[in-house]
């Protein structure tokens, strides 16, 4: 029943988000409530268990309150204080870190959570989330095809529904919840799929590590002035590069010594990805940024 329960639950969350945000994007309270339903709903869908539903519900509520409060903070300040967008992004990162830790039971083990369990849940969440989003996209494509077919018969019901905001939120929520429910019911299959995904990422890490080395050499030769003159968005690019380096290095190192990739080239690439994470350009402009 998990797919049907999550489909109905996220459909209701989608309807609540639409009703709260429709025409009220400047209302901090409404945006905060919409953020509560969005982040809290997704968190509950990822960690809901049949045997233990109260703890996931409380955890999801906490996530919703925190992210809703940060959304309220961003809308209420409205550019009057620097860095309000950063605080919201930091909240998203903290949520992504807290979710697998909760699934691994850190609150019951006094934070002595086995790394293997956390690693498993982190990759399971990533794979199931990506698969669920792909299913939502495919569902919309199918709905578009059906609307076009019925349009040939002068029946515009589906087309008219697709133009309604409430339908879009509810349909997307139902598709996302149903897909997450199916995938979360197949955690053993996801565990096997993790090995395939990490093997592919490990191969991808090699050429990207080589490109990172060339980038460092180019920066050392040309100086940091070229980097800052090329773009004013260097910080997001560097942070995105660090995040990608972390993911690819993790795909090689994995969750234990015996599970690490045996390829010497891939291990060297992992070391270079770690260097990409720890590298910090020096200088006044970086500090100002």
C-alpha atoms as a PDB file:
ATOM      1  CA  UNK A   1       0.000   0.000   0.000  1.00  0.00           C
ATOM      2  CA  UNK A   2       2.985   2.328   0.272  1.00  0.00           C
ATOM      3  CA  UNK A   3       2.764   3.628  -3.353  1.00  0.00           C
ATOM      4  CA  UNK A   4      -0.941   4.450  -3.019  1.00  0.00           C
ATOM      5  CA  UNK A   5      -0.546   6.060   0.405  1.00  0.00           C
ATOM      6  CA  UNK A   6       2.375   8.213  -0.722  1.00  0.00           C
ATOM      7  CA  UNK A   7       0.641   9.130  -3.988  1.00  0.00           C
ATOM      8  CA  UNK A   8      -2.414  10.390  -2.119  1.00  0.00           C
ATOM      9  CA  UNK A   9      -0.352  12.095   0.573  1.00  0.00           C
ATOM     10  CA  UNK A  10       1.916  14.010  -1.830  1.00  0.00           C
ATOM     11  CA  UNK A  11      -1.065  14.880  -4.014  1.00  0.00           C
ATOM     12  CA  UNK A  12      -2.661  16.566  -0.996  1.00  0.00           C
ATOM     13  CA  UNK A  13       0.648  18.275  -0.205  1.00  0.00           C
ATOM     14  CA  UNK A  14       0.766  19.543  -3.783  1.00  0.00           C
ATOM     15  CA  UNK A  15      -2.764  20.921  -3.491  1.00  0.00           C
ATOM     16  CA  UNK A  16      -1.847  22.652  -0.223  1.00  0.00           C
ATOM     17  CA  UNK A  17       1.243  24.190  -1.836  1.00  0.00           C
ATOM     18  CA  UNK A  18      -0.841  25.499  -4.725  1.00  0.00           C
ATOM     19  CA  UNK A  19      -3.503  27.005  -2.464  1.00  0.00           C
ATOM     20  CA  UNK A  20      -0.900  28.649  -0.240  1.00  0.00           C
ATOM     21  CA  UNK A  21       1.354  30.022  -2.973  1.00  0.00           C
ATOM     22  CA  UNK A  22      -1.142  30.939  -5.680  1.00  0.00           C
ATOM     23  CA  UNK A  23      -0.944  34.720  -6.019  1.00  0.00           C
ATOM     24  CA  UNK A  24       0.720  35.122  -2.620  1.00  0.00           C
ATOM     25  CA  UNK A  25       4.433  34.891  -3.389  1.00  0.00           C
ATOM     26  CA  UNK A  26       5.073  38.043  -1.348  1.00  0.00           C
ATOM     27  CA  UNK A  27       3.419  36.659   1.789  1.00  0.00           C
ATOM     28  CA  UNK A  28       6.119  35.292   4.085  1.00  0.00           C
ATOM     29  CA  UNK A  29       3.653  33.266   6.166  1.00  0.00           C
ATOM     30  CA  UNK A  30       2.104  31.555   3.134  1.00  0.00           C
ATOM     31  CA  UNK A  31       5.497  30.804   1.581  1.00  0.00           C
ATOM     32  CA  UNK A  32       6.655  29.349   4.897  1.00  0.00           C
ATOM     33  CA  UNK A  33       3.589  27.097   5.063  1.00  0.00           C
ATOM     34  CA  UNK A  34       4.143  26.000   1.469  1.00  0.00           C
ATOM     35  CA  UNK A  35       7.766  25.204   2.307  1.00  0.00           C
ATOM     36  CA  UNK A  36       6.570  23.133   5.267  1.00  0.00           C
ATOM     37  CA  UNK A  37       4.356  20.961   3.074  1.00  0.00           C
ATOM     38  CA  UNK A  38       6.958  20.659   0.309  1.00  0.00           C
ATOM     39  CA  UNK A  39      10.012  19.673   2.336  1.00  0.00           C
ATOM     40  CA  UNK A  40       8.133  17.906   5.101  1.00  0.00           C
ATOM     41  CA  UNK A  41       6.109  15.910   2.587  1.00  0.00           C
ATOM     42  CA  UNK A  42       9.134  14.750   0.616  1.00  0.00           C
ATOM     43  CA  UNK A  43      11.035  13.883   3.808  1.00  0.00           C
ATOM     44  CA  UNK A  44       8.149  11.786   5.102  1.00  0.00           C
ATOM     45  CA  UNK A  45       7.791  10.025   1.750  1.00  0.00           C
ATOM     46  CA  UNK A  46      11.461   9.009   1.854  1.00  0.00           C
ATOM     47  CA  UNK A  47      11.608   7.772   5.453  1.00  0.00           C
ATOM     48  CA  UNK A  48       8.075   6.457   6.120  1.00  0.00           C
ATOM     49  CA  UNK A  49       7.989   2.943   7.568  1.00  0.00           C
ATOM     50  CA  UNK A  50       4.972   0.754   8.188  1.00  0.00           C
ATOM     51  CA  UNK A  51       6.222  -0.476  11.552  1.00  0.00           C
ATOM     52  CA  UNK A  52       7.462   2.923  12.765  1.00  0.00           C
ATOM     53  CA  UNK A  53       5.485   5.823  11.397  1.00  0.00           C
ATOM     54  CA  UNK A  54       5.511   8.198  14.385  1.00  0.00           C
ATOM     55  CA  UNK A  55       9.268   8.880  14.389  1.00  0.00           C
ATOM     56  CA  UNK A  56       9.374   9.605  10.632  1.00  0.00           C
ATOM     57  CA  UNK A  57       6.345  11.873  11.009  1.00  0.00           C
ATOM     58  CA  UNK A  58       8.036  13.866  13.782  1.00  0.00           C
ATOM     59  CA  UNK A  59      11.285  14.041  11.825  1.00  0.00           C
ATOM     60  CA  UNK A  60       9.471  15.219   8.673  1.00  0.00           C
ATOM     61  CA  UNK A  61       7.603  17.833  10.710  1.00  0.00           C
ATOM     62  CA  UNK A  62      10.899  19.166  12.080  1.00  0.00           C
ATOM     63  CA  UNK A  63      12.328  19.338   8.552  1.00  0.00           C
ATOM     64  CA  UNK A  64       9.212  21.160   7.375  1.00  0.00           C
ATOM     65  CA  UNK A  65       9.355  23.671  10.240  1.00  0.00           C
ATOM     66  CA  UNK A  66      13.051  24.411   9.697  1.00  0.00           C
ATOM     67  CA  UNK A  67      12.751  24.842   5.919  1.00  0.00           C
ATOM     68  CA  UNK A  68       9.509  26.761   6.268  1.00  0.00           C
ATOM     69  CA  UNK A  69      11.205  29.094   8.741  1.00  0.00           C
ATOM     70  CA  UNK A  70      14.100  29.652   6.357  1.00  0.00           C
ATOM     71  CA  UNK A  71      11.649  30.362   3.526  1.00  0.00           C
ATOM     72  CA  UNK A  72       9.899  32.891   5.787  1.00  0.00           C
ATOM     73  CA  UNK A  73      13.284  34.450   6.531  1.00  0.00           C
ATOM     74  CA  UNK A  74      14.099  34.860   2.820  1.00  0.00           C
ATOM     75  CA  UNK A  75      10.741  36.404   1.878  1.00  0.00           C
ATOM     76  CA  UNK A  76      10.463  38.614   4.960  1.00  0.00           C
ATOM     77  CA  UNK A  77      13.912  40.169   4.556  1.00  0.00           C
ATOM     78  CA  UNK A  78      13.547  40.491   0.773  1.00  0.00           C
ATOM     79  CA  UNK A  79      17.129  41.513   0.041  1.00  0.00           C
ATOM     80  CA  UNK A  80      17.542  43.787   3.044  1.00  0.00           C
ATOM     81  CA  UNK A  81      20.155  41.464   4.550  1.00  0.00           C
ATOM     82  CA  UNK A  82      22.937  39.808   2.583  1.00  0.00           C
ATOM     83  CA  UNK A  83      23.061  36.044   2.453  1.00  0.00           C
ATOM     84  CA  UNK A  84      19.426  35.068   3.012  1.00  0.00           C
ATOM     85  CA  UNK A  85      19.523  32.805  -0.079  1.00  0.00           C
ATOM     86  CA  UNK A  86      22.652  31.167   1.303  1.00  0.00           C
ATOM     87  CA  UNK A  87      20.873  30.285   4.538  1.00  0.00           C
ATOM     88  CA  UNK A  88      18.085  28.599   2.581  1.00  0.00           C
ATOM     89  CA  UNK A  89      20.578  26.610   0.489  1.00  0.00           C
ATOM     90  CA  UNK A  90      22.412  25.653   3.670  1.00  0.00           C
ATOM     91  CA  UNK A  91      19.125  24.371   5.062  1.00  0.00           C
ATOM     92  CA  UNK A  92      18.640  22.174   1.995  1.00  0.00           C
ATOM     93  CA  UNK A  93      22.145  20.751   2.396  1.00  0.00           C
ATOM     94  CA  UNK A  94      21.523  20.126   6.099  1.00  0.00           C
ATOM     95  CA  UNK A  95      18.272  18.338   5.231  1.00  0.00           C
ATOM     96  CA  UNK A  96      20.039  16.122   2.702  1.00  0.00           C
ATOM     97  CA  UNK A  97      22.605  15.224   5.359  1.00  0.00           C
ATOM     98  CA  UNK A  98      20.090  14.658   8.141  1.00  0.00           C
ATOM     99  CA  UNK A  99      17.811  12.362   6.140  1.00  0.00           C
ATOM    100  CA  UNK A 100      20.178   9.375   5.701  1.00  0.00           C
ATOM    101  CA  UNK A 101      21.441   9.809   9.269  1.00  0.00           C
ATOM    102  CA  UNK A 102      17.875   9.531  10.548  1.00  0.00           C
ATOM    103  CA  UNK A 103      17.191   6.525   8.329  1.00  0.00           C
ATOM    104  CA  UNK A 104      20.328   4.867   9.703  1.00  0.00           C
ATOM    105  CA  UNK A 105      19.012   5.383  13.254  1.00  0.00           C
ATOM    106  CA  UNK A 106      21.447   7.949  14.644  1.00  0.00           C
ATOM    107  CA  UNK A 107      18.818   9.108  17.161  1.00  0.00           C
ATOM    108  CA  UNK A 108      18.643   5.609  18.682  1.00  0.00           C
ATOM    109  CA  UNK A 109      22.372   4.863  18.732  1.00  0.00           C
ATOM    110  CA  UNK A 110      23.605   8.052  20.424  1.00  0.00           C
ATOM    111  CA  UNK A 111      25.013   9.233  17.086  1.00  0.00           C
ATOM    112  CA  UNK A 112      27.230   6.100  16.825  1.00  0.00           C
ATOM    113  CA  UNK A 113      25.754   5.253  13.444  1.00  0.00           C
ATOM    114  CA  UNK A 114      27.649   2.743  11.264  1.00  0.00           C
ATOM    115  CA  UNK A 115      28.991   4.486   8.199  1.00  0.00           C
ATOM    116  CA  UNK A 116      27.922   1.586   5.963  1.00  0.00           C
ATOM    117  CA  UNK A 117      24.268   2.105   6.917  1.00  0.00           C
ATOM    118  CA  UNK A 118      24.434   5.856   6.323  1.00  0.00           C
ATOM    119  CA  UNK A 119      26.186   5.312   3.002  1.00  0.00           C
ATOM    120  CA  UNK A 120      23.499   2.840   1.905  1.00  0.00           C
ATOM    121  CA  UNK A 121      20.603   5.143   2.757  1.00  0.00           C
ATOM    122  CA  UNK A 122      22.273   8.173   1.178  1.00  0.00           C
ATOM    123  CA  UNK A 123      22.729   6.455  -2.175  1.00  0.00           C
ATOM    124  CA  UNK A 124      19.310   4.793  -1.957  1.00  0.00           C
ATOM    125  CA  UNK A 125      17.672   8.176  -1.444  1.00  0.00           C
ATOM    126  CA  UNK A 126      19.608   9.665  -4.347  1.00  0.00           C
ATOM    127  CA  UNK A 127      18.748   6.837  -6.731  1.00  0.00           C
ATOM    128  CA  UNK A 128      15.102   6.587  -5.712  1.00  0.00           C
ATOM    129  CA  UNK A 129      14.723  10.375  -5.872  1.00  0.00           C
ATOM    130  CA  UNK A 130      16.249  10.538  -9.351  1.00  0.00           C
ATOM    131  CA  UNK A 131      14.092   7.633 -10.515  1.00  0.00           C
ATOM    132  CA  UNK A 132      10.954   9.224  -9.079  1.00  0.00           C
ATOM    133  CA  UNK A 133      11.679  12.551 -10.787  1.00  0.00           C
ATOM    134  CA  UNK A 134      12.238  10.719 -14.086  1.00  0.00           C
ATOM    135  CA  UNK A 135       8.871   8.999 -13.604  1.00  0.00           C
ATOM    136  CA  UNK A 136       7.195  12.369 -13.028  1.00  0.00           C
ATOM    137  CA  UNK A 137       8.641  13.623 -16.300  1.00  0.00           C
ATOM    138  CA  UNK A 138       7.510  10.524 -18.166  1.00  0.00           C
ATOM    139  CA  UNK A 139       4.046  10.849 -16.626  1.00  0.00           C
ATOM    140  CA  UNK A 140       3.726  14.403 -17.911  1.00  0.00           C
ATOM    141  CA  UNK A 141       4.885  13.300 -21.358  1.00  0.00           C
ATOM    142  CA  UNK A 142       2.253  10.550 -21.384  1.00  0.00           C
ATOM    143  CA  UNK A 143      -0.404  12.998 -20.231  1.00  0.00           C
ATOM    144  CA  UNK A 144       0.600  15.390 -23.007  1.00  0.00           C
ATOM    145  CA  UNK A 145       0.281  12.617 -25.605  1.00  0.00           C
ATOM    146  CA  UNK A 146      -3.153  11.640 -24.283  1.00  0.00           C
ATOM    147  CA  UNK A 147      -4.288  15.265 -24.267  1.00  0.00           C
ATOM    148  CA  UNK A 148      -3.181  15.598 -27.892  1.00  0.00           C
ATOM    149  CA  UNK A 149      -5.014  12.403 -28.882  1.00  0.00           C
ATOM    150  CA  UNK A 150      -8.235  13.526 -27.243  1.00  0.00           C
ATOM    151  CA  UNK A 151      -7.726  16.946 -28.797  1.00  0.00           C
ATOM    152  CA  UNK A 152      -8.065  15.327 -32.211  1.00  0.00           C
ATOM    153  CA  UNK A 153     -11.591  14.379 -31.158  1.00  0.00           C
ATOM    154  CA  UNK A 154     -12.309  17.913 -29.928  1.00  0.00           C
ATOM    155  CA  UNK A 155     -12.187  16.738 -26.324  1.00  0.00           C
ATOM    156  CA  UNK A 156     -10.092  19.294 -24.452  1.00  0.00           C
ATOM    157  CA  UNK A 157     -10.687  18.069 -20.894  1.00  0.00           C
ATOM    158  CA  UNK A 158      -7.120  16.891 -20.295  1.00  0.00           C
ATOM    159  CA  UNK A 159      -5.644  19.968 -21.964  1.00  0.00           C
ATOM    160  CA  UNK A 160      -7.774  22.245 -19.804  1.00  0.00           C
ATOM    161  CA  UNK A 161      -6.765  20.327 -16.676  1.00  0.00           C
ATOM    162  CA  UNK A 162      -3.088  20.622 -17.557  1.00  0.00           C
ATOM    163  CA  UNK A 163      -3.509  24.393 -17.685  1.00  0.00           C
ATOM    164  CA  UNK A 164      -4.797  24.443 -14.096  1.00  0.00           C
ATOM    165  CA  UNK A 165      -2.182  25.047 -11.428  1.00  0.00           C
ATOM    166  CA  UNK A 166      -3.867  22.861  -8.802  1.00  0.00           C
ATOM    167  CA  UNK A 167      -3.958  19.903 -11.190  1.00  0.00           C
ATOM    168  CA  UNK A 168      -0.278  20.244 -12.022  1.00  0.00           C
ATOM    169  CA  UNK A 169       0.756  20.232  -8.375  1.00  0.00           C
ATOM    170  CA  UNK A 170      -1.548  17.331  -7.488  1.00  0.00           C
ATOM    171  CA  UNK A 171      -0.589  15.249 -10.528  1.00  0.00           C
ATOM    172  CA  UNK A 172       3.128  15.801  -9.946  1.00  0.00           C
ATOM    173  CA  UNK A 173       2.761  14.985  -6.257  1.00  0.00           C
ATOM    174  CA  UNK A 174       0.800  11.815  -6.958  1.00  0.00           C
ATOM    175  CA  UNK A 175       3.299  10.652  -9.586  1.00  0.00           C
ATOM    176  CA  UNK A 176       6.242  11.421  -7.307  1.00  0.00           C
ATOM    177  CA  UNK A 177       4.654   9.667  -4.333  1.00  0.00           C
ATOM    178  CA  UNK A 178       3.674   6.605  -6.323  1.00  0.00           C
ATOM    179  CA  UNK A 179       7.131   6.255  -7.826  1.00  0.00           C
ATOM    180  CA  UNK A 180       8.844   6.732  -4.454  1.00  0.00           C
ATOM    181  CA  UNK A 181       6.537   4.157  -2.911  1.00  0.00           C
ATOM    182  CA  UNK A 182       7.382   1.549  -5.533  1.00  0.00           C
ATOM    183  CA  UNK A 183      11.115   2.226  -5.332  1.00  0.00           C
ATOM    184  CA  UNK A 184      11.228   2.275  -1.528  1.00  0.00           C
ATOM    185  CA  UNK A 185       9.525  -1.112  -1.530  1.00  0.00           C
ATOM    186  CA  UNK A 186      12.462  -2.489  -3.519  1.00  0.00           C
ATOM    187  CA  UNK A 187      15.415  -1.492  -1.350  1.00  0.00           C
ATOM    188  CA  UNK A 188      17.217  -4.736  -2.147  1.00  0.00           C
ATOM    189  CA  UNK A 189      17.027  -3.942  -5.847  1.00  0.00           C
ATOM    190  CA  UNK A 190      18.226  -0.412  -5.111  1.00  0.00           C
ATOM    191  CA  UNK A 191      21.193  -1.889  -3.251  1.00  0.00           C
ATOM    192  CA  UNK A 192      22.203  -3.777  -6.379  1.00  0.00           C
ATOM    193  CA  UNK A 193      21.587  -0.712  -8.522  1.00  0.00           C
ATOM    194  CA  UNK A 194      23.882   1.288  -6.240  1.00  0.00           C
ATOM    195  CA  UNK A 195      26.811  -0.883  -7.248  1.00  0.00           C
ATOM    196  CA  UNK A 196      26.080  -0.257 -10.923  1.00  0.00           C
ATOM    197  CA  UNK A 197      25.711   3.502 -10.435  1.00  0.00           C
ATOM    198  CA  UNK A 198      28.926   3.767  -8.421  1.00  0.00           C
ATOM    199  CA  UNK A 199      30.807   1.713 -11.007  1.00  0.00           C
ATOM    200  CA  UNK A 200      29.677   4.114 -13.740  1.00  0.00           C
ATOM    201  CA  UNK A 201      30.551   7.157 -11.617  1.00  0.00           C
ATOM    202  CA  UNK A 202      33.966   5.671 -10.840  1.00  0.00           C
ATOM    203  CA  UNK A 203      34.715   5.499 -14.560  1.00  0.00           C
ATOM    204  CA  UNK A 204      33.466   9.069 -15.012  1.00  0.00           C
ATOM    205  CA  UNK A 205      35.763  10.286 -12.232  1.00  0.00           C
ATOM    206  CA  UNK A 206      38.925   9.528 -14.227  1.00  0.00           C
ATOM    207  CA  UNK A 207      38.513  12.037 -17.113  1.00  0.00           C
ATOM    208  CA  UNK A 208      37.073  14.648 -14.751  1.00  0.00           C
ATOM    209  CA  UNK A 209      40.074  14.265 -12.441  1.00  0.00           C
ATOM    210  CA  UNK A 210      42.380  14.830 -15.412  1.00  0.00           C
ATOM    211  CA  UNK A 211      40.396  17.927 -16.348  1.00  0.00           C
ATOM    212  CA  UNK A 212      40.658  19.159 -12.749  1.00  0.00           C
ATOM    213  CA  UNK A 213      44.446  18.828 -12.866  1.00  0.00           C
ATOM    214  CA  UNK A 214      44.558  20.843 -16.083  1.00  0.00           C
ATOM    215  CA  UNK A 215      42.318  23.461 -14.472  1.00  0.00           C
ATOM    216  CA  UNK A 216      44.627  23.832 -11.463  1.00  0.00           C
ATOM    217  CA  UNK A 217      47.646  24.149 -13.747  1.00  0.00           C
ATOM    218  CA  UNK A 218      45.888  26.792 -15.851  1.00  0.00           C
ATOM    219  CA  UNK A 219      44.915  28.758 -12.736  1.00  0.00           C
ATOM    220  CA  UNK A 220      48.501  28.579 -11.427  1.00  0.00           C
ATOM    221  CA  UNK A 221      49.868  29.870 -14.742  1.00  0.00           C
ATOM    222  CA  UNK A 222      47.316  32.572 -15.484  1.00  0.00           C
ATOM    223  CA  UNK A 223      46.576  33.649 -11.922  1.00  0.00           C
ATOM    224  CA  UNK A 224      43.285  34.107 -10.082  1.00  0.00           C
ATOM    225  CA  UNK A 225      42.544  37.411 -11.829  1.00  0.00           C
ATOM    226  CA  UNK A 226      41.483  35.532 -14.951  1.00  0.00           C
ATOM    227  CA  UNK A 227      39.064  33.434 -12.902  1.00  0.00           C
ATOM    228  CA  UNK A 228      37.354  36.429 -11.339  1.00  0.00           C
ATOM    229  CA  UNK A 229      37.269  38.439 -14.551  1.00  0.00           C
ATOM    230  CA  UNK A 230      35.704  35.540 -16.458  1.00  0.00           C
ATOM    231  CA  UNK A 231      32.632  35.340 -14.256  1.00  0.00           C
ATOM    232  CA  UNK A 232      31.108  36.897 -11.175  1.00  0.00           C
ATOM    233  CA  UNK A 233      29.552  33.565 -10.225  1.00  0.00           C
ATOM    234  CA  UNK A 234      32.799  31.811  -9.369  1.00  0.00           C
ATOM    235  CA  UNK A 235      31.651  30.762  -5.887  1.00  0.00           C
ATOM    236  CA  UNK A 236      28.633  28.675  -7.063  1.00  0.00           C
ATOM    237  CA  UNK A 237      30.797  27.082  -9.746  1.00  0.00           C
ATOM    238  CA  UNK A 238      33.515  26.158  -7.259  1.00  0.00           C
ATOM    239  CA  UNK A 239      30.988  24.824  -4.756  1.00  0.00           C
ATOM    240  CA  UNK A 240      29.313  22.762  -7.488  1.00  0.00           C
ATOM    241  CA  UNK A 241      32.716  21.415  -8.476  1.00  0.00           C
ATOM    242  CA  UNK A 242      33.436  20.475  -4.858  1.00  0.00           C
ATOM    243  CA  UNK A 243      30.082  18.707  -4.565  1.00  0.00           C
ATOM    244  CA  UNK A 244      30.691  16.785  -7.789  1.00  0.00           C
ATOM    245  CA  UNK A 245      34.186  15.865  -6.601  1.00  0.00           C
ATOM    246  CA  UNK A 246      32.749  14.526  -3.347  1.00  0.00           C
ATOM    247  CA  UNK A 247      30.188  12.354  -5.157  1.00  0.00           C
ATOM    248  CA  UNK A 248      32.692  10.906  -7.626  1.00  0.00           C
ATOM    249  CA  UNK A 249      35.327  10.287  -4.965  1.00  0.00           C
ATOM    250  CA  UNK A 250      32.702   8.537  -2.843  1.00  0.00           C
ATOM    251  CA  UNK A 251      31.782   6.320  -5.791  1.00  0.00           C
ATOM    252  CA  UNK A 252      35.387   5.046  -5.811  1.00  0.00           C
ATOM    253  CA  UNK A 253      36.056   4.869  -2.057  1.00  0.00           C
ATOM    254  CA  UNK A 254      32.553   3.526  -1.250  1.00  0.00           C
ATOM    255  CA  UNK A 255      31.595   2.331   2.227  1.00  0.00           C
ATOM    256  CA  UNK A 256      34.456   0.023   3.277  1.00  0.00           C
ATOM    257  CA  UNK A 257      38.037  -0.895   2.412  1.00  0.00           C
ATOM    258  CA  UNK A 258      37.015  -4.198   0.854  1.00  0.00           C
ATOM    259  CA  UNK A 259      34.436  -2.451  -1.328  1.00  0.00           C
ATOM    260  CA  UNK A 260      36.846   0.180  -2.684  1.00  0.00           C
ATOM    261  CA  UNK A 261      37.644   0.124  -6.374  1.00  0.00           C
ATOM    262  CA  UNK A 262      40.669  -2.049  -7.180  1.00  0.00           C
ATOM    263  CA  UNK A 263      41.740   0.139 -10.088  1.00  0.00           C
ATOM    264  CA  UNK A 264      44.881   2.114  -9.282  1.00  0.00           C
ATOM    265  CA  UNK A 265      43.914   4.748 -11.849  1.00  0.00           C
ATOM    266  CA  UNK A 266      40.518   5.241 -10.227  1.00  0.00           C
ATOM    267  CA  UNK A 267      42.111   5.510  -6.781  1.00  0.00           C
ATOM    268  CA  UNK A 268      44.445   8.216  -8.038  1.00  0.00           C
ATOM    269  CA  UNK A 269      41.431   9.942  -9.579  1.00  0.00           C
ATOM    270  CA  UNK A 270      39.683   9.794  -6.184  1.00  0.00           C
ATOM    271  CA  UNK A 271      42.700  11.484  -4.571  1.00  0.00           C
ATOM    272  CA  UNK A 272      42.517  14.227  -7.194  1.00  0.00           C
ATOM    273  CA  UNK A 273      38.779  14.658  -6.559  1.00  0.00           C
ATOM    274  CA  UNK A 274      39.554  15.041  -2.833  1.00  0.00           C
ATOM    275  CA  UNK A 275      42.124  17.679  -3.758  1.00  0.00           C
ATOM    276  CA  UNK A 276      39.376  19.441  -5.709  1.00  0.00           C
ATOM    277  CA  UNK A 277      37.233  19.497  -2.576  1.00  0.00           C
ATOM    278  CA  UNK A 278      39.930  20.854  -0.270  1.00  0.00           C
ATOM    279  CA  UNK A 279      41.457  23.376  -2.690  1.00  0.00           C
ATOM    280  CA  UNK A 280      40.701  26.968  -1.669  1.00  0.00           C
ATOM    281  CA  UNK A 281      41.946  29.895  -3.761  1.00  0.00           C
ATOM    282  CA  UNK A 282      43.695  32.514  -1.684  1.00  0.00           C
ATOM    283  CA  UNK A 283      43.494  36.245  -2.079  1.00  0.00           C
ATOM    284  CA  UNK A 284      41.477  39.281  -1.226  1.00  0.00           C
ATOM    285  CA  UNK A 285      38.799  38.715  -3.870  1.00  0.00           C
ATOM    286  CA  UNK A 286      38.086  35.182  -2.649  1.00  0.00           C
ATOM    287  CA  UNK A 287      37.799  36.431   0.923  1.00  0.00           C
ATOM    288  CA  UNK A 288      35.467  39.204  -0.157  1.00  0.00           C
ATOM    289  CA  UNK A 289      33.372  36.686  -2.056  1.00  0.00           C
END
